[in-house]
Amino acid sequence: MGLIWSLIVGGVIGAIAGAITNKGGSMGIIANVIAGLVGSAIGQSLLGNWGPSLAGMAIIPSIIGAVILVAIVSFFFGKKA
């Protein structure tokens, strides 16, 4: 059950990061979950475990890390208009 809860929270964090960077429309559910989980690891390693925590992820550093990840990935792999 812990894995499912982590995937749900990771998906929500990824969706929030996509909404903040205006890239949420181009990301699917799997990309949101991956961005949330990897962004959580990045944010917590850079910023620590401060703030509220859900499913073992500190929410504020996780969102910041996911925003950084989505911005970097969209910079390199984003569609040129």
C-alpha atoms as a PDB file:
ATOM      1  CA  MET A   1       0.000   0.000   0.000  1.00  0.00           C
ATOM      2  CA  GLY A   2       2.942   2.336   0.630  1.00  0.00           C
ATOM      3  CA  LEU A   3       4.076   2.074  -2.987  1.00  0.00           C
ATOM      4  CA  ILE A   4       0.631   3.018  -4.292  1.00  0.00           C
ATOM      5  CA  TRP A   5       0.470   5.987  -1.898  1.00  0.00           C
ATOM      6  CA  SER A   6       3.934   7.138  -3.055  1.00  0.00           C
ATOM      7  CA  LEU A   7       2.875   6.897  -6.709  1.00  0.00           C
ATOM      8  CA  ILE A   8      -0.271   8.929  -6.027  1.00  0.00           C
ATOM      9  CA  VAL A   9       1.617  11.641  -4.137  1.00  0.00           C
ATOM     10  CA  GLY A  10       4.343  11.638  -6.822  1.00  0.00           C
ATOM     11  CA  GLY A  11       1.684  12.112  -9.504  1.00  0.00           C
ATOM     12  CA  VAL A  12       0.141  15.041  -7.642  1.00  0.00           C
ATOM     13  CA  ILE A  13       3.560  16.643  -7.141  1.00  0.00           C
ATOM     14  CA  GLY A  14       4.336  16.156 -10.843  1.00  0.00           C
ATOM     15  CA  ALA A  15       0.977  17.666 -11.828  1.00  0.00           C
ATOM     16  CA  ILE A  16       1.610  20.687  -9.602  1.00  0.00           C
ATOM     17  CA  ALA A  17       5.072  21.120 -11.140  1.00  0.00           C
ATOM     18  CA  GLY A  18       3.570  20.882 -14.630  1.00  0.00           C
ATOM     19  CA  ALA A  19       0.976  23.510 -13.755  1.00  0.00           C
ATOM     20  CA  ILE A  20       3.605  25.864 -12.324  1.00  0.00           C
ATOM     21  CA  THR A  21       5.817  25.569 -15.417  1.00  0.00           C
ATOM     22  CA  ASN A  22       2.845  25.601 -17.843  1.00  0.00           C
ATOM     23  CA  LYS A  23       3.931  22.204 -19.221  1.00  0.00           C
ATOM     24  CA  GLY A  24       1.157  20.176 -17.583  1.00  0.00           C
ATOM     25  CA  GLY A  25      -0.874  19.846 -20.763  1.00  0.00           C
ATOM     26  CA  SER A  26       1.907  18.089 -22.625  1.00  0.00           C
ATOM     27  CA  MET A  27       2.730  15.660 -19.806  1.00  0.00           C
ATOM     28  CA  GLY A  28       0.782  12.460 -19.300  1.00  0.00           C
ATOM     29  CA  ILE A  29       0.009  10.621 -16.085  1.00  0.00           C
ATOM     30  CA  ILE A  30       3.162   8.493 -16.249  1.00  0.00           C
ATOM     31  CA  ALA A  31       5.331  11.566 -16.861  1.00  0.00           C
ATOM     32  CA  ASN A  32       3.675  13.321 -13.907  1.00  0.00           C
ATOM     33  CA  VAL A  33       4.433  10.395 -11.607  1.00  0.00           C
ATOM     34  CA  ILE A  34       8.032  10.148 -12.809  1.00  0.00           C
ATOM     35  CA  ALA A  35       8.535  13.918 -12.518  1.00  0.00           C
ATOM     36  CA  GLY A  36       7.069  13.865  -9.028  1.00  0.00           C
ATOM     37  CA  LEU A  37       9.171  10.966  -7.769  1.00  0.00           C
ATOM     38  CA  VAL A  38      12.452  12.057  -9.357  1.00  0.00           C
ATOM     39  CA  GLY A  39      11.779  15.699  -8.503  1.00  0.00           C
ATOM     40  CA  SER A  40      11.111  14.681  -4.926  1.00  0.00           C
ATOM     41  CA  ALA A  41      14.481  12.961  -4.729  1.00  0.00           C
ATOM     42  CA  ILE A  42      16.214  15.975  -6.271  1.00  0.00           C
ATOM     43  CA  GLY A  43      14.438  18.489  -4.053  1.00  0.00           C
ATOM     44  CA  GLN A  44      15.026  16.582  -0.852  1.00  0.00           C
ATOM     45  CA  SER A  45      18.699  16.027  -1.631  1.00  0.00           C
ATOM     46  CA  LEU A  46      19.209  19.728  -2.379  1.00  0.00           C
ATOM     47  CA  LEU A  47      16.904  21.293   0.205  1.00  0.00           C
ATOM     48  CA  GLY A  48      16.469  18.667   2.926  1.00  0.00           C
ATOM     49  CA  ASN A  49      13.313  17.338   4.580  1.00  0.00           C
ATOM     50  CA  TRP A  50      11.687  20.480   5.932  1.00  0.00           C
ATOM     51  CA  GLY A  51       7.990  21.299   5.776  1.00  0.00           C
ATOM     52  CA  PRO A  52       5.007  18.976   5.771  1.00  0.00           C
ATOM     53  CA  SER A  53       5.601  15.393   4.726  1.00  0.00           C
ATOM     54  CA  LEU A  54       3.326  12.952   2.902  1.00  0.00           C
ATOM     55  CA  ALA A  55       4.220   9.361   1.961  1.00  0.00           C
ATOM     56  CA  GLY A  56       7.809   9.957   3.018  1.00  0.00           C
ATOM     57  CA  MET A  57       8.194  12.998   0.759  1.00  0.00           C
ATOM     58  CA  ALA A  58       8.628  16.522   2.085  1.00  0.00           C
ATOM     59  CA  ILE A  59       6.060  18.437   0.041  1.00  0.00           C
ATOM     60  CA  ILE A  60       7.708  21.859  -0.467  1.00  0.00           C
ATOM     61  CA  PRO A  61      11.209  20.614  -1.433  1.00  0.00           C
ATOM     62  CA  SER A  62       9.596  17.932  -3.619  1.00  0.00           C
ATOM     63  CA  ILE A  63       7.564  20.468  -5.573  1.00  0.00           C
ATOM     64  CA  ILE A  64      10.599  22.728  -6.002  1.00  0.00           C
ATOM     65  CA  GLY A  65      12.689  19.773  -7.199  1.00  0.00           C
ATOM     66  CA  ALA A  66       9.964  18.671  -9.614  1.00  0.00           C
ATOM     67  CA  VAL A  67       9.654  22.204 -11.017  1.00  0.00           C
ATOM     68  CA  ILE A  68      13.422  22.262 -11.580  1.00  0.00           C
ATOM     69  CA  LEU A  69      13.278  18.847 -13.272  1.00  0.00           C
ATOM     70  CA  VAL A  70      10.331  19.749 -15.530  1.00  0.00           C
ATOM     71  CA  ALA A  71      11.962  23.055 -16.506  1.00  0.00           C
ATOM     72  CA  ILE A  72      15.259  21.367 -17.405  1.00  0.00           C
ATOM     73  CA  VAL A  73      13.613  18.527 -19.340  1.00  0.00           C
ATOM     74  CA  SER A  74      11.307  20.895 -21.235  1.00  0.00           C
ATOM     75  CA  PHE A  75      14.289  23.124 -22.070  1.00  0.00           C
ATOM     76  CA  PHE A  76      16.170  20.246 -23.701  1.00  0.00           C
ATOM     77  CA  PHE A  77      13.284  18.206 -25.126  1.00  0.00           C
ATOM     78  CA  GLY A  78      10.532  20.810 -25.523  1.00  0.00           C
ATOM     79  CA  LYS A  79       9.012  21.437 -28.925  1.00  0.00           C
ATOM     80  CA  LYS A  80      10.344  24.463 -30.753  1.00  0.00           C
ATOM     81  CA  ALA A  81       7.553  26.783 -31.884  1.00  0.00           C
END
